[in-house]
Amino acid sequence: MPRKPLRPCSFPGCPRLCEGRYCDEHRIHERRRYDSTERSADVNKTYGRKWRKIRAEYAKAHPLCERCLKDGKLVPVEEVHHILPVKWGGTHDFGNLMSLCQSCHTELENEIGSRGVGGSKSP
């Protein structure tokens, strides 16, 4: 089976040709930049293995989007949302969680502005 043609590295000013987005040298550089500047140091503590287990348990107990269910629609859960965000003092307790579809989750995140899209509101 033929391989894809090589393309220029996406790192600014790099003339090397590569199979992926970056050449070997800049792939490592970009990964380090992502890890050090775009992710907080405590993200794995907050949303690590323990959170994934809690999320799976909650999604199993609440398999439908809670907002859509109020409107009589049966939409499967795609996201587990913190009612009070962890960065504002919320916890992973089931009382602070809500199962949502992607559409409702995005709408809710924009309303409260926790991603900076709808502003930087805090409680």
PDB file of N, CA and C in Angstrom:
ATOM      1  N   MET A   1       0.847  -1.177   0.000  1.00  0.00           N
ATOM      2  CA  MET A   1       0.000   0.000   0.000  1.00  0.00           C
ATOM      3  C   MET A   1       0.892   1.239   0.000  1.00  0.00           C
ATOM      4  N   PRO A   2       0.634   2.195  -0.851  1.00  0.00           N
ATOM      5  CA  PRO A   2       1.483   3.396  -0.927  1.00  0.00           C
ATOM      6  C   PRO A   2       1.339   4.251   0.324  1.00  0.00           C
ATOM      7  N   ARG A   3       2.425   4.917   0.691  1.00  0.00           N
ATOM      8  CA  ARG A   3       2.427   5.811   1.838  1.00  0.00           C
ATOM      9  C   ARG A   3       2.044   7.219   1.401  1.00  0.00           C
ATOM     10  N   LYS A   4       1.599   8.008   2.372  1.00  0.00           N
ATOM     11  CA  LYS A   4       1.272   9.403   2.086  1.00  0.00           C
ATOM     12  C   LYS A   4       2.558  10.168   1.805  1.00  0.00           C
ATOM     13  N   PRO A   5       2.507  11.179   0.961  1.00  0.00           N
ATOM     14  CA  PRO A   5       3.719  11.957   0.695  1.00  0.00           C
ATOM     15  C   PRO A   5       4.148  12.735   1.949  1.00  0.00           C
ATOM     16  N   LEU A   6       5.438  12.959   2.072  1.00  0.00           N
ATOM     17  CA  LEU A   6       5.955  13.727   3.192  1.00  0.00           C
ATOM     18  C   LEU A   6       5.526  15.180   3.047  1.00  0.00           C
ATOM     19  N   ARG A   7       5.344  15.836   4.175  1.00  0.00           N
ATOM     20  CA  ARG A   7       4.947  17.242   4.153  1.00  0.00           C
ATOM     21  C   ARG A   7       5.853  18.031   5.076  1.00  0.00           C
ATOM     22  N   PRO A   8       5.917  19.348   4.898  1.00  0.00           N
ATOM     23  CA  PRO A   8       6.806  20.160   5.738  1.00  0.00           C
ATOM     24  C   PRO A   8       6.359  20.145   7.203  1.00  0.00           C
ATOM     25  N   CYS A   9       7.326  20.198   8.094  1.00  0.00           N
ATOM     26  CA  CYS A   9       7.064  20.286   9.532  1.00  0.00           C
ATOM     27  C   CYS A   9       6.276  21.577   9.799  1.00  0.00           C
ATOM     28  N   SER A  10       5.305  21.519  10.715  1.00  0.00           N
ATOM     29  CA  SER A  10       4.469  22.684  11.029  1.00  0.00           C
ATOM     30  C   SER A  10       5.133  23.687  11.956  1.00  0.00           C
ATOM     31  N   PHE A  11       6.302  23.343  12.493  1.00  0.00           N
ATOM     32  CA  PHE A  11       7.014  24.279  13.359  1.00  0.00           C
ATOM     33  C   PHE A  11       7.528  25.437  12.509  1.00  0.00           C
ATOM     34  N   PRO A  12       7.293  26.693  12.896  1.00  0.00           N
ATOM     35  CA  PRO A  12       7.708  27.840  12.085  1.00  0.00           C
ATOM     36  C   PRO A  12       9.194  27.825  11.748  1.00  0.00           C
ATOM     37  N   GLY A  13       9.504  27.903  10.461  1.00  0.00           N
ATOM     38  CA  GLY A  13      10.876  27.979   9.993  1.00  0.00           C
ATOM     39  C   GLY A  13      11.590  26.651   9.825  1.00  0.00           C
ATOM     40  N   CYS A  14      10.946  25.540  10.142  1.00  0.00           N
ATOM     41  CA  CYS A  14      11.597  24.238  10.013  1.00  0.00           C
ATOM     42  C   CYS A  14      11.436  23.723   8.580  1.00  0.00           C
ATOM     43  N   PRO A  15      12.550  23.416   7.903  1.00  0.00           N
ATOM     44  CA  PRO A  15      12.473  22.972   6.509  1.00  0.00           C
ATOM     45  C   PRO A  15      12.324  21.451   6.355  1.00  0.00           C
ATOM     46  N   ARG A  16      12.348  20.695   7.451  1.00  0.00           N
ATOM     47  CA  ARG A  16      12.320  19.234   7.358  1.00  0.00           C
ATOM     48  C   ARG A  16      10.971  18.717   6.846  1.00  0.00           C
ATOM     49  N   LEU A  17      11.030  17.600   6.147  1.00  0.00           N
ATOM     50  CA  LEU A  17       9.826  16.909   5.709  1.00  0.00           C
ATOM     51  C   LEU A  17       9.531  15.776   6.687  1.00  0.00           C
ATOM     52  N   CYS A  18       8.250  15.529   6.946  1.00  0.00           N
ATOM     53  CA  CYS A  18       7.891  14.505   7.927  1.00  0.00           C
ATOM     54  C   CYS A  18       6.569  13.845   7.545  1.00  0.00           C
ATOM     55  N   GLU A  19       6.251  12.757   8.225  1.00  0.00           N
ATOM     56  CA  GLU A  19       5.004  12.038   7.954  1.00  0.00           C
ATOM     57  C   GLU A  19       3.839  12.629   8.734  1.00  0.00           C
ATOM     58  N   GLY A  20       4.081  13.093   9.940  1.00  0.00           N
ATOM     59  CA  GLY A  20       3.026  13.664  10.775  1.00  0.00           C
ATOM     60  C   GLY A  20       3.003  15.175  10.681  1.00  0.00           C
ATOM     61  N   ARG A  21       2.519  15.800  11.752  1.00  0.00           N
ATOM     62  CA  ARG A  21       2.440  17.258  11.773  1.00  0.00           C
ATOM     63  C   ARG A  21       3.802  17.903  12.023  1.00  0.00           C
ATOM     64  N   TYR A  22       4.590  17.280  12.915  1.00  0.00           N
ATOM     65  CA  TYR A  22       5.901  17.821  13.257  1.00  0.00           C
ATOM     66  C   TYR A  22       6.987  16.786  12.997  1.00  0.00           C
ATOM     67  N   CYS A  23       8.224  17.256  12.754  1.00  0.00           N
ATOM     68  CA  CYS A  23       9.374  16.356  12.645  1.00  0.00           C
ATOM     69  C   CYS A  23       9.686  15.828  14.051  1.00  0.00           C
ATOM     70  N   ASP A  24      10.563  14.852  14.152  1.00  0.00           N
ATOM     71  CA  ASP A  24      10.879  14.232  15.446  1.00  0.00           C
ATOM     72  C   ASP A  24      11.343  15.254  16.482  1.00  0.00           C
ATOM     73  N   GLU A  25      12.191  16.173  16.092  1.00  0.00           N
ATOM     74  CA  GLU A  25      12.723  17.171  17.030  1.00  0.00           C
ATOM     75  C   GLU A  25      11.613  18.076  17.569  1.00  0.00           C
ATOM     76  N   HIS A  26      10.744  18.555  16.705  1.00  0.00           N
ATOM     77  CA  HIS A  26       9.723  19.513  17.129  1.00  0.00           C
ATOM     78  C   HIS A  26       8.495  18.847  17.740  1.00  0.00           C
ATOM     79  N   ARG A  27       8.281  17.569  17.491  1.00  0.00           N
ATOM     80  CA  ARG A  27       7.181  16.841  18.121  1.00  0.00           C
ATOM     81  C   ARG A  27       7.407  16.828  19.631  1.00  0.00           C
ATOM     82  N   ILE A  28       8.635  16.568  20.053  1.00  0.00           N
ATOM     83  CA  ILE A  28       8.976  16.562  21.472  1.00  0.00           C
ATOM     84  C   ILE A  28       8.848  17.970  22.043  1.00  0.00           C
ATOM     85  N   HIS A  29       9.327  18.972  21.304  1.00  0.00           N
ATOM     86  CA  HIS A  29       9.252  20.361  21.746  1.00  0.00           C
ATOM     87  C   HIS A  29       7.800  20.796  21.933  1.00  0.00           C
ATOM     88  N   GLU A  30       6.937  20.477  20.989  1.00  0.00           N
ATOM     89  CA  GLU A  30       5.532  20.872  21.073  1.00  0.00           C
ATOM     90  C   GLU A  30       4.828  20.171  22.229  1.00  0.00           C
ATOM     91  N   ARG A  31       5.164  18.917  22.469  1.00  0.00           N
ATOM     92  CA  ARG A  31       4.559  18.192  23.583  1.00  0.00           C
ATOM     93  C   ARG A  31       4.958  18.830  24.908  1.00  0.00           C
ATOM     94  N   ARG A  32       6.229  19.184  25.062  1.00  0.00           N
ATOM     95  CA  ARG A  32       6.685  19.855  26.283  1.00  0.00           C
ATOM     96  C   ARG A  32       5.984  21.199  26.461  1.00  0.00           C
ATOM     97  N   ARG A  33       5.840  21.951  25.366  1.00  0.00           N
ATOM     98  CA  ARG A  33       5.182  23.256  25.439  1.00  0.00           C
ATOM     99  C   ARG A  33       3.735  23.090  25.880  1.00  0.00           C
ATOM    100  N   TYR A  34       3.056  22.098  25.329  1.00  0.00           N
ATOM    101  CA  TYR A  34       1.669  21.841  25.705  1.00  0.00           C
ATOM    102  C   TYR A  34       1.561  21.490  27.182  1.00  0.00           C
ATOM    103  N   ASP A  35       2.407  20.579  27.636  1.00  0.00           N
ATOM    104  CA  ASP A  35       2.362  20.139  29.022  1.00  0.00           C
ATOM    105  C   ASP A  35       2.708  21.253  29.997  1.00  0.00           C
ATOM    106  N   SER A  36       3.638  22.128  29.630  1.00  0.00           N
ATOM    107  CA  SER A  36       4.090  23.137  30.583  1.00  0.00           C
ATOM    108  C   SER A  36       3.267  24.420  30.556  1.00  0.00           C
ATOM    109  N   THR A  37       2.687  24.786  29.442  1.00  0.00           N
ATOM    110  CA  THR A  37       2.002  26.072  29.383  1.00  0.00           C
ATOM    111  C   THR A  37       0.485  25.984  29.290  1.00  0.00           C
ATOM    112  N   GLU A  38      -0.036  24.937  28.712  1.00  0.00           N
ATOM    113  CA  GLU A  38      -1.472  24.884  28.498  1.00  0.00           C
ATOM    114  C   GLU A  38      -2.205  24.029  29.519  1.00  0.00           C
ATOM    115  N   ARG A  39      -1.468  23.283  30.347  1.00  0.00           N
ATOM    116  CA  ARG A  39      -2.089  22.451  31.354  1.00  0.00           C
ATOM    117  C   ARG A  39      -1.567  22.859  32.720  1.00  0.00           C
ATOM    118  N   SER A  40      -2.474  23.007  33.673  1.00  0.00           N
ATOM    119  CA  SER A  40      -2.016  23.347  35.018  1.00  0.00           C
ATOM    120  C   SER A  40      -1.357  22.133  35.650  1.00  0.00           C
ATOM    121  N   ALA A  41      -0.509  22.366  36.604  1.00  0.00           N
ATOM    122  CA  ALA A  41       0.250  21.294  37.231  1.00  0.00           C
ATOM    123  C   ALA A  41      -0.637  20.328  38.008  1.00  0.00           C
ATOM    124  N   ASP A  42      -1.767  20.792  38.526  1.00  0.00           N
ATOM    125  CA  ASP A  42      -2.630  19.937  39.339  1.00  0.00           C
ATOM    126  C   ASP A  42      -3.796  19.326  38.577  1.00  0.00           C
ATOM    127  N   VAL A  43      -3.780  19.374  37.244  1.00  0.00           N
ATOM    128  CA  VAL A  43      -4.915  18.858  36.482  1.00  0.00           C
ATOM    129  C   VAL A  43      -5.109  17.357  36.693  1.00  0.00           C
ATOM    130  N   ASN A  44      -4.043  16.584  36.809  1.00  0.00           N
ATOM    131  CA  ASN A  44      -4.199  15.155  37.036  1.00  0.00           C
ATOM    132  C   ASN A  44      -4.691  14.849  38.442  1.00  0.00           C
ATOM    133  N   LYS A  45      -4.372  15.712  39.397  1.00  0.00           N
ATOM    134  CA  LYS A  45      -4.875  15.532  40.752  1.00  0.00           C
ATOM    135  C   LYS A  45      -6.383  15.777  40.778  1.00  0.00           C
ATOM    136  N   THR A  46      -6.834  16.784  40.049  1.00  0.00           N
ATOM    137  CA  THR A  46      -8.244  17.132  40.032  1.00  0.00           C
ATOM    138  C   THR A  46      -9.048  16.208  39.127  1.00  0.00           C
ATOM    139  N   TYR A  47      -8.552  15.932  37.940  1.00  0.00           N
ATOM    140  CA  TYR A  47      -9.293  15.139  36.967  1.00  0.00           C
ATOM    141  C   TYR A  47      -8.505  13.906  36.536  1.00  0.00           C
ATOM    142  N   GLY A  48      -7.966  13.175  37.463  1.00  0.00           N
ATOM    143  CA  GLY A  48      -7.186  11.982  37.166  1.00  0.00           C
ATOM    144  C   GLY A  48      -8.030  10.723  37.187  1.00  0.00           C
ATOM    145  N   ARG A  49      -7.395   9.617  37.558  1.00  0.00           N
ATOM    146  CA  ARG A  49      -8.034   8.301  37.565  1.00  0.00           C
ATOM    147  C   ARG A  49      -9.254   8.272  38.485  1.00  0.00           C
ATOM    148  N   LYS A  50      -9.134   8.915  39.644  1.00  0.00           N
ATOM    149  CA  LYS A  50     -10.241   8.930  40.604  1.00  0.00           C
ATOM    150  C   LYS A  50     -11.480   9.583  39.993  1.00  0.00           C
ATOM    151  N   TRP A  51     -11.288  10.723  39.297  1.00  0.00           N
ATOM    152  CA  TRP A  51     -12.412  11.411  38.662  1.00  0.00           C
ATOM    153  C   TRP A  51     -13.036  10.553  37.560  1.00  0.00           C
ATOM    154  N   ARG A  52     -12.210   9.898  36.761  1.00  0.00           N
ATOM    155  CA  ARG A  52     -12.747   9.062  35.688  1.00  0.00           C
ATOM    156  C   ARG A  52     -13.620   7.936  36.241  1.00  0.00           C
ATOM    157  N   LYS A  53     -13.215   7.395  37.398  1.00  0.00           N
ATOM    158  CA  LYS A  53     -14.011   6.335  38.037  1.00  0.00           C
ATOM    159  C   LYS A  53     -15.340   6.898  38.542  1.00  0.00           C
ATOM    160  N   ILE A  54     -15.305   8.049  39.201  1.00  0.00           N
ATOM    161  CA  ILE A  54     -16.524   8.697  39.703  1.00  0.00           C
ATOM    162  C   ILE A  54     -17.444   9.045  38.537  1.00  0.00           C
ATOM    163  N   ARG A  55     -16.853   9.584  37.460  1.00  0.00           N
ATOM    164  CA  ARG A  55     -17.628   9.960  36.271  1.00  0.00           C
ATOM    165  C   ARG A  55     -18.330   8.750  35.674  1.00  0.00           C
ATOM    166  N   ALA A  56     -17.624   7.631  35.576  1.00  0.00           N
ATOM    167  CA  ALA A  56     -18.214   6.414  35.008  1.00  0.00           C
ATOM    168  C   ALA A  56     -19.359   5.891  35.883  1.00  0.00           C
ATOM    169  N   GLU A  57     -19.171   5.930  37.196  1.00  0.00           N
ATOM    170  CA  GLU A  57     -20.226   5.489  38.116  1.00  0.00           C
ATOM    171  C   GLU A  57     -21.459   6.384  38.005  1.00  0.00           C
ATOM    172  N   TYR A  58     -21.232   7.694  37.927  1.00  0.00           N
ATOM    173  CA  TYR A  58     -22.361   8.625  37.838  1.00  0.00           C
ATOM    174  C   TYR A  58     -23.099   8.456  36.506  1.00  0.00           C
ATOM    175  N   ALA A  59     -22.347   8.311  35.422  1.00  0.00           N
ATOM    176  CA  ALA A  59     -22.974   8.135  34.107  1.00  0.00           C
ATOM    177  C   ALA A  59     -23.765   6.827  34.048  1.00  0.00           C
ATOM    178  N   LYS A  60     -23.289   5.804  34.738  1.00  0.00           N
ATOM    179  CA  LYS A  60     -24.016   4.534  34.768  1.00  0.00           C
ATOM    180  C   LYS A  60     -25.323   4.683  35.553  1.00  0.00           C
ATOM    181  N   ALA A  61     -25.280   5.434  36.645  1.00  0.00           N
ATOM    182  CA  ALA A  61     -26.466   5.662  37.464  1.00  0.00           C
ATOM    183  C   ALA A  61     -27.441   6.639  36.819  1.00  0.00           C
ATOM    184  N   HIS A  62     -26.942   7.550  35.993  1.00  0.00           N
ATOM    185  CA  HIS A  62     -27.766   8.564  35.323  1.00  0.00           C
ATOM    186  C   HIS A  62     -27.446   8.539  33.829  1.00  0.00           C
ATOM    187  N   PRO A  63     -27.978   7.570  33.069  1.00  0.00           N
ATOM    188  CA  PRO A  63     -27.577   7.374  31.674  1.00  0.00           C
ATOM    189  C   PRO A  63     -28.169   8.370  30.672  1.00  0.00           C
ATOM    190  N   LEU A  64     -29.059   9.242  31.113  1.00  0.00           N
ATOM    191  CA  LEU A  64     -29.683  10.203  30.199  1.00  0.00           C
ATOM    192  C   LEU A  64     -29.372  11.636  30.611  1.00  0.00           C
ATOM    193  N   CYS A  65     -29.352  12.536  29.623  1.00  0.00           N
ATOM    194  CA  CYS A  65     -29.120  13.963  29.883  1.00  0.00           C
ATOM    195  C   CYS A  65     -30.240  14.488  30.776  1.00  0.00           C
ATOM    196  N   GLU A  66     -29.870  15.053  31.914  1.00  0.00           N
ATOM    197  CA  GLU A  66     -30.864  15.513  32.890  1.00  0.00           C
ATOM    198  C   GLU A  66     -31.643  16.733  32.408  1.00  0.00           C
ATOM    199  N   ARG A  67     -31.025  17.606  31.630  1.00  0.00           N
ATOM    200  CA  ARG A  67     -31.742  18.780  31.107  1.00  0.00           C
ATOM    201  C   ARG A  67     -32.734  18.376  30.019  1.00  0.00           C
ATOM    202  N   CYS A  68     -32.311  17.484  29.128  1.00  0.00           N
ATOM    203  CA  CYS A  68     -33.204  17.028  28.060  1.00  0.00           C
ATOM    204  C   CYS A  68     -34.353  16.213  28.634  1.00  0.00           C
ATOM    205  N   LEU A  69     -34.074  15.445  29.692  1.00  0.00           N
ATOM    206  CA  LEU A  69     -35.091  14.616  30.321  1.00  0.00           C
ATOM    207  C   LEU A  69     -36.227  15.472  30.874  1.00  0.00           C
ATOM    208  N   LYS A  70     -35.900  16.663  31.385  1.00  0.00           N
ATOM    209  CA  LYS A  70     -36.934  17.587  31.882  1.00  0.00           C
ATOM    210  C   LYS A  70     -37.856  18.039  30.763  1.00  0.00           C
ATOM    211  N   ASP A  71     -37.325  18.081  29.509  1.00  0.00           N
ATOM    212  CA  ASP A  71     -38.124  18.473  28.351  1.00  0.00           C
ATOM    213  C   ASP A  71     -38.792  17.273  27.680  1.00  0.00           C
ATOM    214  N   GLY A  72     -38.641  16.083  28.277  1.00  0.00           N
ATOM    215  CA  GLY A  72     -39.266  14.887  27.735  1.00  0.00           C
ATOM    216  C   GLY A  72     -38.464  14.209  26.632  1.00  0.00           C
ATOM    217  N   LYS A  73     -37.202  14.625  26.430  1.00  0.00           N
ATOM    218  CA  LYS A  73     -36.354  14.006  25.411  1.00  0.00           C
ATOM    219  C   LYS A  73     -35.433  12.993  26.065  1.00  0.00           C
ATOM    220  N   LEU A  74     -35.214  11.864  25.383  1.00  0.00           N
ATOM    221  CA  LEU A  74     -34.330  10.822  25.885  1.00  0.00           C
ATOM    222  C   LEU A  74     -33.016  10.869  25.115  1.00  0.00           C
ATOM    223  N   VAL A  75     -32.038  11.573  25.667  1.00  0.00           N
ATOM    224  CA  VAL A  75     -30.740  11.751  25.025  1.00  0.00           C
ATOM    225  C   VAL A  75     -29.672  11.136  25.933  1.00  0.00           C
ATOM    226  N   PRO A  76     -28.795  10.264  25.407  1.00  0.00           N
ATOM    227  CA  PRO A  76     -27.784   9.636  26.259  1.00  0.00           C
ATOM    228  C   PRO A  76     -26.754  10.638  26.788  1.00  0.00           C
ATOM    229  N   VAL A  77     -26.212  10.326  27.965  1.00  0.00           N
ATOM    230  CA  VAL A  77     -25.214  11.180  28.605  1.00  0.00           C
ATOM    231  C   VAL A  77     -23.901  11.141  27.818  1.00  0.00           C
ATOM    232  N   GLU A  78     -23.279  12.298  27.662  1.00  0.00           N
ATOM    233  CA  GLU A  78     -21.962  12.400  27.032  1.00  0.00           C
ATOM    234  C   GLU A  78     -20.957  13.077  27.948  1.00  0.00           C
ATOM    235  N   GLU A  79     -21.440  13.916  28.841  1.00  0.00           N
ATOM    236  CA  GLU A  79     -20.583  14.664  29.762  1.00  0.00           C
ATOM    237  C   GLU A  79     -21.159  14.595  31.165  1.00  0.00           C
ATOM    238  N   VAL A  80     -20.285  14.577  32.168  1.00  0.00           N
ATOM    239  CA  VAL A  80     -20.716  14.712  33.554  1.00  0.00           C
ATOM    240  C   VAL A  80     -20.217  16.078  34.011  1.00  0.00           C
ATOM    241  N   HIS A  81     -21.144  16.918  34.403  1.00  0.00           N
ATOM    242  CA  HIS A  81     -20.879  18.328  34.690  1.00  0.00           C
ATOM    243  C   HIS A  81     -20.896  18.585  36.197  1.00  0.00           C
ATOM    244  N   HIS A  82     -19.970  19.408  36.675  1.00  0.00           N
ATOM    245  CA  HIS A  82     -19.978  19.851  38.064  1.00  0.00           C
ATOM    246  C   HIS A  82     -20.905  21.064  38.169  1.00  0.00           C
ATOM    247  N   ILE A  83     -21.906  21.001  39.023  1.00  0.00           N
ATOM    248  CA  ILE A  83     -22.832  22.121  39.205  1.00  0.00           C
ATOM    249  C   ILE A  83     -22.059  23.326  39.753  1.00  0.00           C
ATOM    250  N   LEU A  84     -21.281  23.105  40.814  1.00  0.00           N
ATOM    251  CA  LEU A  84     -20.350  24.123  41.301  1.00  0.00           C
ATOM    252  C   LEU A  84     -18.966  23.669  40.863  1.00  0.00           C
ATOM    253  N   PRO A  85     -18.330  24.383  39.927  1.00  0.00           N
ATOM    254  CA  PRO A  85     -17.033  23.938  39.397  1.00  0.00           C
ATOM    255  C   PRO A  85     -15.999  23.691  40.489  1.00  0.00           C
ATOM    256  N   VAL A  86     -15.139  22.718  40.251  1.00  0.00           N
ATOM    257  CA  VAL A  86     -14.096  22.350  41.205  1.00  0.00           C
ATOM    258  C   VAL A  86     -13.204  23.545  41.519  1.00  0.00           C
ATOM    259  N   LYS A  87     -12.900  24.357  40.505  1.00  0.00           N
ATOM    260  CA  LYS A  87     -12.020  25.503  40.734  1.00  0.00           C
ATOM    261  C   LYS A  87     -12.671  26.576  41.605  1.00  0.00           C
ATOM    262  N   TRP A  88     -13.987  26.478  41.797  1.00  0.00           N
ATOM    263  CA  TRP A  88     -14.698  27.408  42.675  1.00  0.00           C
ATOM    264  C   TRP A  88     -15.093  26.749  43.993  1.00  0.00           C
ATOM    265  N   GLY A  89     -14.502  25.600  44.295  1.00  0.00           N
ATOM    266  CA  GLY A  89     -14.761  24.937  45.567  1.00  0.00           C
ATOM    267  C   GLY A  89     -15.717  23.763  45.490  1.00  0.00           C
ATOM    268  N   GLY A  90     -16.160  23.377  44.311  1.00  0.00           N
ATOM    269  CA  GLY A  90     -17.050  22.234  44.157  1.00  0.00           C
ATOM    270  C   GLY A  90     -16.311  20.924  44.383  1.00  0.00           C
ATOM    271  N   THR A  91     -17.079  19.865  44.585  1.00  0.00           N
ATOM    272  CA  THR A  91     -16.494  18.548  44.830  1.00  0.00           C
ATOM    273  C   THR A  91     -16.988  17.563  43.784  1.00  0.00           C
ATOM    274  N   HIS A  92     -16.477  16.323  43.864  1.00  0.00           N
ATOM    275  CA  HIS A  92     -16.904  15.256  42.961  1.00  0.00           C
ATOM    276  C   HIS A  92     -18.074  14.462  43.547  1.00  0.00           C
ATOM    277  N   ASP A  93     -18.705  14.959  44.609  1.00  0.00           N
ATOM    278  CA  ASP A  93     -19.854  14.269  45.201  1.00  0.00           C
ATOM    279  C   ASP A  93     -21.006  14.215  44.208  1.00  0.00           C
ATOM    280  N   PHE A  94     -21.782  13.125  44.262  1.00  0.00           N
ATOM    281  CA  PHE A  94     -22.899  12.958  43.330  1.00  0.00           C
ATOM    282  C   PHE A  94     -23.896  14.113  43.403  1.00  0.00           C
ATOM    283  N   GLY A  95     -24.027  14.749  44.562  1.00  0.00           N
ATOM    284  CA  GLY A  95     -24.937  15.878  44.712  1.00  0.00           C
ATOM    285  C   GLY A  95     -24.496  17.112  43.928  1.00  0.00           C
ATOM    286  N   ASN A  96     -23.230  17.150  43.510  1.00  0.00           N
ATOM    287  CA  ASN A  96     -22.696  18.282  42.764  1.00  0.00           C
ATOM    288  C   ASN A  96     -22.514  17.948  41.282  1.00  0.00           C
ATOM    289  N   LEU A  97     -23.007  16.799  40.854  1.00  0.00           N
ATOM    290  CA  LEU A  97     -22.819  16.368  39.471  1.00  0.00           C
ATOM    291  C   LEU A  97     -24.143  16.345  38.714  1.00  0.00           C
ATOM    292  N   MET A  98     -24.035  16.447  37.401  1.00  0.00           N
ATOM    293  CA  MET A  98     -25.206  16.428  36.533  1.00  0.00           C
ATOM    294  C   MET A  98     -24.794  15.779  35.214  1.00  0.00           C
ATOM    295  N   SER A  99     -25.582  14.805  34.742  1.00  0.00           N
ATOM    296  CA  SER A  99     -25.266  14.177  33.458  1.00  0.00           C
ATOM    297  C   SER A  99     -25.918  14.989  32.343  1.00  0.00           C
ATOM    298  N   LEU A 100     -25.135  15.263  31.299  1.00  0.00           N
ATOM    299  CA  LEU A 100     -25.602  16.111  30.205  1.00  0.00           C
ATOM    300  C   LEU A 100     -25.171  15.545  28.858  1.00  0.00           C
ATOM    301  N   CYS A 101     -25.905  15.907  27.809  1.00  0.00           N
ATOM    302  CA  CYS A 101     -25.457  15.625  26.449  1.00  0.00           C
ATOM    303  C   CYS A 101     -24.461  16.729  26.076  1.00  0.00           C
ATOM    304  N   GLN A 102     -23.756  16.552  24.987  1.00  0.00           N
ATOM    305  CA  GLN A 102     -22.732  17.534  24.594  1.00  0.00           C
ATOM    306  C   GLN A 102     -23.343  18.912  24.358  1.00  0.00           C
ATOM    307  N   SER A 103     -24.505  18.948  23.731  1.00  0.00           N
ATOM    308  CA  SER A 103     -25.163  20.216  23.420  1.00  0.00           C
ATOM    309  C   SER A 103     -25.525  20.985  24.699  1.00  0.00           C
ATOM    310  N   CYS A 104     -26.146  20.301  25.645  1.00  0.00           N
ATOM    311  CA  CYS A 104     -26.522  20.957  26.901  1.00  0.00           C
ATOM    312  C   CYS A 104     -25.293  21.363  27.704  1.00  0.00           C
ATOM    313  N   HIS A 105     -24.249  20.540  27.684  1.00  0.00           N
ATOM    314  CA  HIS A 105     -23.031  20.862  28.424  1.00  0.00           C
ATOM    315  C   HIS A 105     -22.375  22.122  27.876  1.00  0.00           C
ATOM    316  N   THR A 106     -22.276  22.216  26.565  1.00  0.00           N
ATOM    317  CA  THR A 106     -21.683  23.401  25.949  1.00  0.00           C
ATOM    318  C   THR A 106     -22.513  24.639  26.266  1.00  0.00           C
ATOM    319  N   GLU A 107     -23.824  24.515  26.171  1.00  0.00           N
ATOM    320  CA  GLU A 107     -24.725  25.634  26.471  1.00  0.00           C
ATOM    321  C   GLU A 107     -24.564  26.084  27.918  1.00  0.00           C
ATOM    322  N   LEU A 108     -24.505  25.134  28.835  1.00  0.00           N
ATOM    323  CA  LEU A 108     -24.361  25.457  30.250  1.00  0.00           C
ATOM    324  C   LEU A 108     -22.999  26.075  30.551  1.00  0.00           C
ATOM    325  N   GLU A 109     -21.933  25.543  29.960  1.00  0.00           N
ATOM    326  CA  GLU A 109     -20.593  26.106  30.158  1.00  0.00           C
ATOM    327  C   GLU A 109     -20.526  27.545  29.645  1.00  0.00           C
ATOM    328  N   ASN A 110     -21.185  27.814  28.531  1.00  0.00           N
ATOM    329  CA  ASN A 110     -21.198  29.181  28.002  1.00  0.00           C
ATOM    330  C   ASN A 110     -21.996  30.115  28.903  1.00  0.00           C
ATOM    331  N   GLU A 111     -23.068  29.617  29.503  1.00  0.00           N
ATOM    332  CA  GLU A 111     -23.878  30.433  30.408  1.00  0.00           C
ATOM    333  C   GLU A 111     -23.090  30.838  31.648  1.00  0.00           C
ATOM    334  N   ILE A 112     -22.392  29.871  32.263  1.00  0.00           N
ATOM    335  CA  ILE A 112     -21.676  30.188  33.507  1.00  0.00           C
ATOM    336  C   ILE A 112     -20.298  30.753  33.248  1.00  0.00           C
ATOM    337  N   GLY A 113     -19.777  30.566  32.038  1.00  0.00           N
ATOM    338  CA  GLY A 113     -18.501  31.161  31.687  1.00  0.00           C
ATOM    339  C   GLY A 113     -17.295  30.500  32.300  1.00  0.00           C
ATOM    340  N   SER A 114     -17.382  29.222  32.667  1.00  0.00           N
ATOM    341  CA  SER A 114     -16.246  28.585  33.322  1.00  0.00           C
ATOM    342  C   SER A 114     -15.094  28.316  32.374  1.00  0.00           C
ATOM    343  N   ARG A 115     -15.335  28.370  31.068  1.00  0.00           N
ATOM    344  CA  ARG A 115     -14.249  28.202  30.131  1.00  0.00           C
ATOM    345  C   ARG A 115     -13.778  29.556  29.583  1.00  0.00           C
ATOM    346  N   GLY A 116     -14.333  30.603  30.081  1.00  0.00           N
ATOM    347  CA  GLY A 116     -13.919  31.922  29.624  1.00  0.00           C
ATOM    348  C   GLY A 116     -14.675  32.389  28.385  1.00  0.00           C
ATOM    349  N   VAL A 117     -15.565  31.553  27.854  1.00  0.00           N
ATOM    350  CA  VAL A 117     -16.306  31.926  26.641  1.00  0.00           C
ATOM    351  C   VAL A 117     -17.396  32.943  26.975  1.00  0.00           C
ATOM    352  N   GLY A 118     -18.142  32.691  28.044  1.00  0.00           N
ATOM    353  CA  GLY A 118     -19.243  33.572  28.398  1.00  0.00           C
ATOM    354  C   GLY A 118     -18.867  34.594  29.441  1.00  0.00           C
ATOM    355  N   GLY A 119     -17.616  34.786  29.697  1.00  0.00           N
ATOM    356  CA  GLY A 119     -17.170  35.717  30.723  1.00  0.00           C
ATOM    357  C   GLY A 119     -16.505  34.959  31.849  1.00  0.00           C
ATOM    358  N   SER A 120     -16.047  35.652  32.849  1.00  0.00           N
ATOM    359  CA  SER A 120     -15.370  34.980  33.950  1.00  0.00           C
ATOM    360  C   SER A 120     -16.182  35.145  35.215  1.00  0.00           C
ATOM    361  N   LYS A 121     -17.372  34.616  35.227  1.00  0.00           N
ATOM    362  CA  LYS A 121     -18.239  34.712  36.382  1.00  0.00           C
ATOM    363  C   LYS A 121     -17.769  33.751  37.452  1.00  0.00           C
ATOM    364  N   SER A 122     -17.915  34.122  38.670  1.00  0.00           N
ATOM    365  CA  SER A 122     -17.623  33.226  39.781  1.00  0.00           C
ATOM    366  C   SER A 122     -18.717  33.392  40.823  1.00  0.00           C
ATOM    367  N   PRO A 123     -18.859  32.405  41.721  1.00  0.00           N
ATOM    368  CA  PRO A 123     -19.962  32.480  42.680  1.00  0.00           C
ATOM    369  C   PRO A 123     -19.802  33.613  43.669  1.00  0.00           C
TER     370      PRO A 123
END
